[in-house]
Amino acid sequence: MFVSVLVRRLKPGKTYEDFVDAWYPDKGFGFGGRGPILARRIGDDREILAIALMDLRRDEIPATMERIAAQESVRHDRIDEVIESTAVRGIYEVADEFDFSTDETVARGRPARGR
Protein backbone atom coordinates (compact mmCIF):
# COMPACT_ATOMS: atom_id res chain seq x y z
CA MET A 1 0.00 0.00 0.00
CA PHE A 2 1.24 3.46 -0.90
CA VAL A 3 0.16 6.99 0.02
CA SER A 4 0.18 9.85 -2.45
CA VAL A 5 0.66 13.22 -0.73
CA LEU A 6 0.42 16.67 -2.32
CA VAL A 7 0.29 20.08 -0.66
CA ARG A 8 -0.68 22.89 -2.98
CA ARG A 9 -1.28 26.62 -2.57
CA LEU A 10 -4.05 28.35 -4.49
CA LYS A 11 -3.37 31.47 -6.50
CA PRO A 12 -4.80 34.66 -4.97
CA GLY A 13 -8.47 34.98 -5.92
CA LYS A 14 -8.89 31.25 -6.69
CA THR A 15 -11.27 29.21 -4.57
CA TYR A 16 -11.39 25.66 -3.31
CA GLU A 17 -14.22 25.09 -5.79
CA ASP A 18 -12.00 26.35 -8.63
CA PHE A 19 -9.37 23.85 -7.53
CA VAL A 20 -11.79 20.90 -7.38
CA ASP A 21 -13.14 21.76 -10.84
CA ALA A 22 -9.60 21.73 -12.27
CA TRP A 23 -8.36 18.79 -10.20
CA TYR A 24 -11.24 16.32 -10.73
CA PRO A 25 -10.16 13.67 -13.28
CA ASP A 26 -11.92 12.94 -16.56
CA LYS A 27 -11.73 9.17 -16.01
CA GLY A 28 -10.71 6.61 -13.40
CA PHE A 29 -7.13 5.63 -12.63
CA GLY A 30 -7.70 1.87 -12.85
CA PHE A 31 -6.45 0.80 -9.42
CA GLY A 32 -8.00 0.48 -5.99
CA GLY A 33 -7.37 2.29 -2.78
CA ARG A 34 -9.00 4.94 -0.68
CA GLY A 35 -9.52 8.57 -1.50
CA PRO A 36 -8.35 10.96 -2.64
CA ILE A 37 -9.13 13.03 0.41
CA LEU A 38 -8.86 16.81 0.16
CA ALA A 39 -8.32 19.01 3.21
CA ARG A 40 -7.82 22.73 3.69
CA ARG A 41 -5.34 24.07 6.19
CA ILE A 42 -6.86 25.58 9.31
CA GLY A 43 -6.10 29.29 9.25
CA ASP A 44 -5.08 29.30 5.56
CA ASP A 45 -7.81 28.27 3.11
CA ARG A 46 -5.41 28.70 0.19
CA GLU A 47 -3.40 25.62 1.24
CA ILE A 48 -4.86 22.28 0.13
CA LEU A 49 -3.69 18.82 1.13
CA ALA A 50 -4.54 15.86 -1.11
CA ILE A 51 -3.87 12.33 0.10
CA ALA A 52 -4.83 8.98 -1.37
CA LEU A 53 -4.12 5.40 -0.41
CA MET A 54 -3.09 3.42 -3.47
CA ASP A 55 -3.53 -0.34 -3.46
CA LEU A 56 -0.53 -1.14 -5.64
CA ARG A 57 2.59 -3.24 -5.35
CA ARG A 58 5.94 -1.47 -5.64
CA ASP A 59 6.65 -3.14 -8.99
CA GLU A 60 3.30 -1.87 -10.39
CA ILE A 61 3.99 1.81 -9.78
CA PRO A 62 6.17 2.62 -12.82
CA ALA A 63 3.80 1.01 -15.32
CA THR A 64 0.76 2.54 -13.62
CA MET A 65 2.27 6.03 -13.70
CA GLU A 66 3.19 5.56 -17.36
CA ARG A 67 -0.32 4.32 -18.21
CA ILE A 68 -2.03 7.37 -16.66
CA ALA A 69 0.61 9.94 -17.69
CA ALA A 70 -1.33 11.39 -20.64
CA GLN A 71 -4.54 11.94 -18.71
CA GLU A 72 -2.58 13.30 -15.74
CA SER A 73 -0.77 15.77 -18.01
CA VAL A 74 -4.10 17.24 -19.14
CA ARG A 75 -5.37 17.37 -15.57
CA HIS A 76 -2.18 18.99 -14.25
CA ASP A 77 -2.35 21.66 -16.96
CA ARG A 78 -5.79 22.57 -15.58
CA ILE A 79 -4.52 22.49 -12.00
CA ASP A 80 -1.61 24.79 -12.88
CA GLU A 81 -4.15 27.48 -13.78
CA VAL A 82 -5.40 27.66 -10.18
CA ILE A 83 -2.37 26.87 -8.02
CA GLU A 84 0.52 29.08 -7.09
CA SER A 85 2.85 26.31 -5.91
CA THR A 86 3.22 22.70 -4.82
CA ALA A 87 5.16 22.39 -1.54
CA VAL A 88 5.05 18.60 -1.18
CA ARG A 89 4.63 15.96 -3.85
CA GLY A 90 5.45 12.34 -3.25
CA ILE A 91 4.44 8.72 -3.07
CA TYR A 92 5.27 6.99 0.18
CA GLU A 93 5.17 3.31 1.09
CA VAL A 94 3.02 2.60 4.16
CA ALA A 95 5.30 1.33 6.95
CA ASP A 96 2.83 1.18 9.87
CA GLU A 97 -0.71 2.09 10.79
CA PHE A 98 -1.81 2.81 14.35
CA ASP A 99 -5.08 3.50 16.16
CA PHE A 100 -4.84 6.27 18.79
CA SER A 101 -8.60 6.60 19.30
CA THR A 102 -8.78 5.08 22.81
CA ASP A 103 -6.47 4.19 25.70
CA GLU A 104 -7.09 0.51 24.92
CA THR A 105 -6.13 0.76 21.23
CA VAL A 106 -3.02 2.74 22.17
CA ALA A 107 -1.96 0.10 24.71
CA ARG A 108 -2.78 -2.79 22.36
CA GLY A 109 -0.95 -1.26 19.41
CA ARG A 110 2.20 -0.09 21.20
CA PRO A 111 5.25 -1.40 19.31
CA ALA A 112 7.88 -3.38 21.16
CA ARG A 113 10.78 -1.22 22.40
CA GLY A 114 14.03 -1.44 20.46
CA ARG A 115 12.30 -2.49 17.25
C-alpha atoms as a PDB file:
ATOM      1  CA  MET A   1       0.000   0.000   0.000  1.00  0.00           C
ATOM      2  CA  PHE A   2       1.244   3.462  -0.898  1.00  0.00           C
ATOM      3  CA  VAL A   3       0.164   6.989   0.017  1.00  0.00           C
ATOM      4  CA  SER A   4       0.178   9.849  -2.455  1.00  0.00           C
ATOM      5  CA  VAL A   5       0.661  13.222  -0.734  1.00  0.00           C
ATOM      6  CA  LEU A   6       0.423  16.666  -2.316  1.00  0.00           C
ATOM      7  CA  VAL A   7       0.290  20.081  -0.657  1.00  0.00           C
ATOM      8  CA  ARG A   8      -0.682  22.895  -2.981  1.00  0.00           C
ATOM      9  CA  ARG A   9      -1.277  26.620  -2.567  1.00  0.00           C
ATOM     10  CA  LEU A  10      -4.054  28.348  -4.489  1.00  0.00           C
ATOM     11  CA  LYS A  11      -3.367  31.470  -6.496  1.00  0.00           C
ATOM     12  CA  PRO A  12      -4.804  34.655  -4.966  1.00  0.00           C
ATOM     13  CA  GLY A  13      -8.471  34.975  -5.919  1.00  0.00           C
ATOM     14  CA  LYS A  14      -8.891  31.253  -6.689  1.00  0.00           C
ATOM     15  CA  THR A  15     -11.267  29.212  -4.567  1.00  0.00           C
ATOM     16  CA  TYR A  16     -11.394  25.661  -3.309  1.00  0.00           C
ATOM     17  CA  GLU A  17     -14.222  25.092  -5.788  1.00  0.00           C
ATOM     18  CA  ASP A  18     -11.996  26.353  -8.634  1.00  0.00           C
ATOM     19  CA  PHE A  19      -9.373  23.849  -7.525  1.00  0.00           C
ATOM     20  CA  VAL A  20     -11.787  20.897  -7.380  1.00  0.00           C
ATOM     21  CA  ASP A  21     -13.143  21.759 -10.842  1.00  0.00           C
ATOM     22  CA  ALA A  22      -9.603  21.735 -12.274  1.00  0.00           C
ATOM     23  CA  TRP A  23      -8.357  18.787 -10.204  1.00  0.00           C
ATOM     24  CA  TYR A  24     -11.235  16.323 -10.726  1.00  0.00           C
ATOM     25  CA  PRO A  25     -10.157  13.669 -13.283  1.00  0.00           C
ATOM     26  CA  ASP A  26     -11.922  12.941 -16.558  1.00  0.00           C
ATOM     27  CA  LYS A  27     -11.730   9.173 -16.008  1.00  0.00           C
ATOM     28  CA  GLY A  28     -10.708   6.608 -13.400  1.00  0.00           C
ATOM     29  CA  PHE A  29      -7.134   5.630 -12.628  1.00  0.00           C
ATOM     30  CA  GLY A  30      -7.697   1.872 -12.849  1.00  0.00           C
ATOM     31  CA  PHE A  31      -6.447   0.804  -9.422  1.00  0.00           C
ATOM     32  CA  GLY A  32      -8.002   0.478  -5.990  1.00  0.00           C
ATOM     33  CA  GLY A  33      -7.371   2.289  -2.781  1.00  0.00           C
ATOM     34  CA  ARG A  34      -9.002   4.945  -0.676  1.00  0.00           C
ATOM     35  CA  GLY A  35      -9.516   8.574  -1.496  1.00  0.00           C
ATOM     36  CA  PRO A  36      -8.348  10.956  -2.635  1.00  0.00           C
ATOM     37  CA  ILE A  37      -9.134  13.025   0.405  1.00  0.00           C
ATOM     38  CA  LEU A  38      -8.861  16.810   0.162  1.00  0.00           C
ATOM     39  CA  ALA A  39      -8.318  19.010   3.208  1.00  0.00           C
ATOM     40  CA  ARG A  40      -7.823  22.732   3.690  1.00  0.00           C
ATOM     41  CA  ARG A  41      -5.337  24.073   6.194  1.00  0.00           C
ATOM     42  CA  ILE A  42      -6.860  25.581   9.308  1.00  0.00           C
ATOM     43  CA  GLY A  43      -6.103  29.289   9.247  1.00  0.00           C
ATOM     44  CA  ASP A  44      -5.085  29.300   5.557  1.00  0.00           C
ATOM     45  CA  ASP A  45      -7.814  28.269   3.107  1.00  0.00           C
ATOM     46  CA  ARG A  46      -5.411  28.704   0.187  1.00  0.00           C
ATOM     47  CA  GLU A  47      -3.396  25.618   1.236  1.00  0.00           C
ATOM     48  CA  ILE A  48      -4.864  22.285   0.131  1.00  0.00           C
ATOM     49  CA  LEU A  49      -3.686  18.816   1.127  1.00  0.00           C
ATOM     50  CA  ALA A  50      -4.537  15.862  -1.111  1.00  0.00           C
ATOM     51  CA  ILE A  51      -3.870  12.330   0.104  1.00  0.00           C
ATOM     52  CA  ALA A  52      -4.834   8.979  -1.371  1.00  0.00           C
ATOM     53  CA  LEU A  53      -4.119   5.403  -0.408  1.00  0.00           C
ATOM     54  CA  MET A  54      -3.088   3.416  -3.469  1.00  0.00           C
ATOM     55  CA  ASP A  55      -3.532  -0.335  -3.457  1.00  0.00           C
ATOM     56  CA  LEU A  56      -0.527  -1.143  -5.638  1.00  0.00           C
ATOM     57  CA  ARG A  57       2.593  -3.242  -5.350  1.00  0.00           C
ATOM     58  CA  ARG A  58       5.945  -1.468  -5.639  1.00  0.00           C
ATOM     59  CA  ASP A  59       6.652  -3.136  -8.994  1.00  0.00           C
ATOM     60  CA  GLU A  60       3.300  -1.869 -10.395  1.00  0.00           C
ATOM     61  CA  ILE A  61       3.988   1.814  -9.776  1.00  0.00           C
ATOM     62  CA  PRO A  62       6.173   2.620 -12.817  1.00  0.00           C
ATOM     63  CA  ALA A  63       3.801   1.007 -15.323  1.00  0.00           C
ATOM     64  CA  THR A  64       0.764   2.536 -13.619  1.00  0.00           C
ATOM     65  CA  MET A  65       2.273   6.033 -13.699  1.00  0.00           C
ATOM     66  CA  GLU A  66       3.195   5.555 -17.363  1.00  0.00           C
ATOM     67  CA  ARG A  67      -0.321   4.324 -18.209  1.00  0.00           C
ATOM     68  CA  ILE A  68      -2.029   7.375 -16.656  1.00  0.00           C
ATOM     69  CA  ALA A  69       0.611   9.940 -17.695  1.00  0.00           C
ATOM     70  CA  ALA A  70      -1.325  11.387 -20.645  1.00  0.00           C
ATOM     71  CA  GLN A  71      -4.545  11.943 -18.705  1.00  0.00           C
ATOM     72  CA  GLU A  72      -2.579  13.305 -15.741  1.00  0.00           C
ATOM     73  CA  SER A  73      -0.772  15.774 -18.007  1.00  0.00           C
ATOM     74  CA  VAL A  74      -4.102  17.244 -19.144  1.00  0.00           C
ATOM     75  CA  ARG A  75      -5.369  17.374 -15.566  1.00  0.00           C
ATOM     76  CA  HIS A  76      -2.178  18.986 -14.255  1.00  0.00           C
ATOM     77  CA  ASP A  77      -2.352  21.664 -16.960  1.00  0.00           C
ATOM     78  CA  ARG A  78      -5.790  22.570 -15.585  1.00  0.00           C
ATOM     79  CA  ILE A  79      -4.520  22.487 -11.996  1.00  0.00           C
ATOM     80  CA  ASP A  80      -1.609  24.792 -12.885  1.00  0.00           C
ATOM     81  CA  GLU A  81      -4.152  27.485 -13.782  1.00  0.00           C
ATOM     82  CA  VAL A  82      -5.402  27.656 -10.180  1.00  0.00           C
ATOM     83  CA  ILE A  83      -2.373  26.867  -8.016  1.00  0.00           C
ATOM     84  CA  GLU A  84       0.520  29.081  -7.091  1.00  0.00           C
ATOM     85  CA  SER A  85       2.849  26.306  -5.909  1.00  0.00           C
ATOM     86  CA  THR A  86       3.222  22.702  -4.821  1.00  0.00           C
ATOM     87  CA  ALA A  87       5.155  22.392  -1.544  1.00  0.00           C
ATOM     88  CA  VAL A  88       5.050  18.601  -1.177  1.00  0.00           C
ATOM     89  CA  ARG A  89       4.630  15.963  -3.853  1.00  0.00           C
ATOM     90  CA  GLY A  90       5.450  12.336  -3.248  1.00  0.00           C
ATOM     91  CA  ILE A  91       4.437   8.725  -3.072  1.00  0.00           C
ATOM     92  CA  TYR A  92       5.275   6.991   0.184  1.00  0.00           C
ATOM     93  CA  GLU A  93       5.166   3.308   1.089  1.00  0.00           C
ATOM     94  CA  VAL A  94       3.023   2.600   4.155  1.00  0.00           C
ATOM     95  CA  ALA A  95       5.298   1.327   6.946  1.00  0.00           C
ATOM     96  CA  ASP A  96       2.826   1.182   9.866  1.00  0.00           C
ATOM     97  CA  GLU A  97      -0.708   2.090  10.788  1.00  0.00           C
ATOM     98  CA  PHE A  98      -1.812   2.813  14.349  1.00  0.00           C
ATOM     99  CA  ASP A  99      -5.076   3.503  16.162  1.00  0.00           C
ATOM    100  CA  PHE A 100      -4.835   6.274  18.787  1.00  0.00           C
ATOM    101  CA  SER A 101      -8.599   6.601  19.300  1.00  0.00           C
ATOM    102  CA  THR A 102      -8.779   5.084  22.808  1.00  0.00           C
ATOM    103  CA  ASP A 103      -6.474   4.187  25.696  1.00  0.00           C
ATOM    104  CA  GLU A 104      -7.087   0.508  24.917  1.00  0.00           C
ATOM    105  CA  THR A 105      -6.127   0.762  21.234  1.00  0.00           C
ATOM    106  CA  VAL A 106      -3.022   2.740  22.168  1.00  0.00           C
ATOM    107  CA  ALA A 107      -1.957   0.103  24.706  1.00  0.00           C
ATOM    108  CA  ARG A 108      -2.783  -2.792  22.363  1.00  0.00           C
ATOM    109  CA  GLY A 109      -0.945  -1.265  19.413  1.00  0.00           C
ATOM    110  CA  ARG A 110       2.195  -0.091  21.198  1.00  0.00           C
ATOM    111  CA  PRO A 111       5.251  -1.399  19.313  1.00  0.00           C
ATOM    112  CA  ALA A 112       7.885  -3.375  21.159  1.00  0.00           C
ATOM    113  CA  ARG A 113      10.782  -1.218  22.404  1.00  0.00           C
ATOM    114  CA  GLY A 114      14.031  -1.441  20.459  1.00  0.00           C
ATOM    115  CA  ARG A 115      12.297  -2.487  17.253  1.00  0.00           C
END
